[in-house]
Protein backbone atom coordinates (compact mmCIF):
# COMPACT_ATOMS: atom_id res chain seq x y z
CA UNK A 1 -54.50 21.84 12.32
CA UNK A 2 -55.10 23.13 8.83
CA UNK A 3 -53.28 22.06 5.68
CA UNK A 4 -51.20 25.24 5.52
CA UNK A 5 -50.04 24.80 9.13
CA UNK A 6 -49.06 21.19 8.42
CA UNK A 7 -47.06 22.26 5.35
CA UNK A 8 -45.27 24.99 7.34
CA UNK A 9 -44.38 22.55 10.13
CA UNK A 10 -43.17 20.05 7.53
CA UNK A 11 -40.97 22.65 5.86
CA UNK A 12 -39.57 23.76 9.21
CA UNK A 13 -38.75 20.18 10.09
CA UNK A 14 -37.06 19.69 6.72
CA UNK A 15 -34.96 22.84 7.06
CA UNK A 16 -33.90 21.98 10.61
CA UNK A 17 -33.00 18.44 9.53
CA UNK A 18 -30.95 19.64 6.54
CA UNK A 19 -29.12 22.21 8.68
CA UNK A 20 -28.33 19.53 11.26
CA UNK A 21 -26.98 17.15 8.64
CA UNK A 22 -24.79 19.78 6.97
CA UNK A 23 -23.51 21.02 10.33
CA UNK A 24 -22.54 17.46 11.28
CA UNK A 25 -20.82 16.99 7.91
CA UNK A 26 -18.91 20.26 8.33
CA UNK A 27 -17.76 19.20 11.81
CA UNK A 28 -16.72 15.79 10.49
CA UNK A 29 -14.77 17.41 7.64
CA UNK A 30 -13.02 19.73 10.12
CA UNK A 31 -12.07 16.80 12.37
CA UNK A 32 -10.70 14.81 9.43
CA UNK A 33 -8.64 17.77 8.21
CA UNK A 34 -7.34 18.23 11.75
CA UNK A 35 -6.33 14.55 11.92
CA UNK A 36 -4.62 14.87 8.54
CA UNK A 37 -2.71 17.90 9.76
CA UNK A 38 -1.71 16.26 13.05
CA UNK A 39 -0.71 12.82 11.80
CA UNK A 40 0.68 13.66 8.35
CA UNK A 41 3.00 16.50 9.12
CA UNK A 42 5.53 16.89 6.36
CA UNK A 43 9.09 17.24 7.52
CA UNK A 44 10.92 20.40 6.60
CA UNK A 45 13.56 19.91 3.90
CA UNK A 46 17.09 19.79 5.28
CA UNK A 47 19.45 22.53 4.26
CA UNK A 48 22.57 20.44 4.79
CA UNK A 49 23.82 19.03 1.47
CA UNK A 50 25.66 16.16 3.18
CA UNK A 51 22.45 14.92 4.79
CA UNK A 52 20.74 14.88 1.42
CA UNK A 53 23.44 12.78 -0.19
CA UNK A 54 23.38 10.27 2.68
CA UNK A 55 19.64 9.65 2.32
CA UNK A 56 19.76 9.05 -1.42
CA UNK A 57 20.34 5.42 -2.26
CA UNK A 58 21.07 4.28 -5.80
CA UNK A 59 18.21 2.41 -7.40
CA UNK A 60 19.30 -0.89 -8.93
CA UNK A 61 18.57 -1.09 -12.62
CA UNK A 62 16.87 -4.28 -13.67
CA UNK A 63 17.74 -5.61 -17.08
CA UNK A 64 14.95 -5.78 -19.60
CA UNK A 65 13.30 -9.15 -19.95
CA UNK A 66 14.27 -10.74 -23.25
CA UNK A 67 11.68 -12.60 -25.26
CA UNK A 68 12.16 -16.29 -25.82
CA UNK A 69 13.60 -16.67 -29.30
CA UNK A 70 11.70 -19.80 -30.28
CA UNK A 71 8.25 -18.22 -29.88
CA UNK A 72 6.62 -16.26 -32.59
CA UNK A 73 5.85 -12.76 -31.25
CA UNK A 74 3.00 -12.15 -33.68
CA UNK A 75 1.27 -15.33 -32.57
CA UNK A 76 1.72 -14.39 -28.91
CA UNK A 77 0.27 -10.91 -29.49
CA UNK A 78 -2.67 -12.45 -31.35
CA UNK A 79 -3.37 -14.79 -28.43
CA UNK A 80 -3.09 -11.96 -25.91
CA UNK A 81 -5.44 -9.78 -27.96
CA UNK A 82 -7.98 -12.59 -28.26
CA UNK A 83 -7.86 -13.29 -24.52
CA UNK A 84 -8.34 -9.64 -23.62
CA UNK A 85 -11.16 -9.24 -26.13
CA UNK A 86 -12.90 -12.32 -24.74
CA UNK A 87 -12.65 -11.08 -21.16
CA UNK A 88 -13.94 -7.62 -22.12
CA UNK A 89 -16.69 -8.95 -24.43
CA UNK A 90 -15.51 -6.78 -27.31
CA UNK A 91 -14.02 -7.19 -30.74
CA UNK A 92 -10.31 -7.53 -31.38
CA UNK A 93 -10.55 -4.59 -33.76
CA UNK A 94 -11.16 -2.30 -30.78
CA UNK A 95 -7.93 -3.38 -29.06
CA UNK A 96 -4.28 -2.72 -29.76
CA UNK A 97 -1.50 -4.21 -27.66
CA UNK A 98 1.35 -1.72 -27.61
CA UNK A 99 3.78 -3.64 -25.43
CA UNK A 100 4.05 -6.68 -23.25
CA UNK A 101 6.58 -8.15 -20.88
CA UNK A 102 7.03 -11.47 -19.19
CA UNK A 103 6.87 -11.77 -15.45
CA UNK A 104 8.65 -14.38 -13.39
CA UNK A 105 6.60 -17.25 -12.06
CA UNK A 106 7.36 -17.51 -8.36
CA UNK A 107 4.29 -19.59 -7.57
CA UNK A 108 4.87 -22.26 -4.93
CA UNK A 109 4.68 -25.92 -5.99
CA UNK A 110 1.56 -26.59 -3.91
CA UNK A 111 -0.23 -23.71 -5.65
CA UNK A 112 0.71 -25.05 -9.11
CA UNK A 113 -0.50 -28.51 -8.10
CA UNK A 114 -3.81 -27.08 -6.88
CA UNK A 115 -4.34 -25.15 -10.11
CA UNK A 116 -3.54 -28.22 -12.18
CA UNK A 117 -5.92 -30.36 -10.10
CA UNK A 118 -8.71 -27.80 -10.44
CA UNK A 119 -8.30 -27.57 -14.22
CA UNK A 120 -8.16 -31.35 -14.64
CA UNK A 121 -11.28 -31.85 -12.50
CA UNK A 122 -13.30 -29.64 -14.85
CA UNK A 123 -12.56 -31.66 -17.97
């Protein structure tokens, strides 16, 4: 077998392989679209106005979390900015905290005890 014949056979093998791969990908894409169509059918909107009002439930409005009055907000923002800058390995000049809110701490007692034990064991 000469060099030119080997190159031609190699190119033919490459073309057949690429066609096979793209055909398999096209079939896979078609099957996934078919599954999406079958399992995620969107329901038609109801024309009855009474049915629409029954399905709508009022969303409870949560009151805004008030900041604790005895803490200095500027100091808290400075600490938050420093912590974020340290975790991102960047300067505090590149960051600007626009807003913050407190979240409730619903951590179980055993979890708090484990965190405290872990922190105390490091120092």
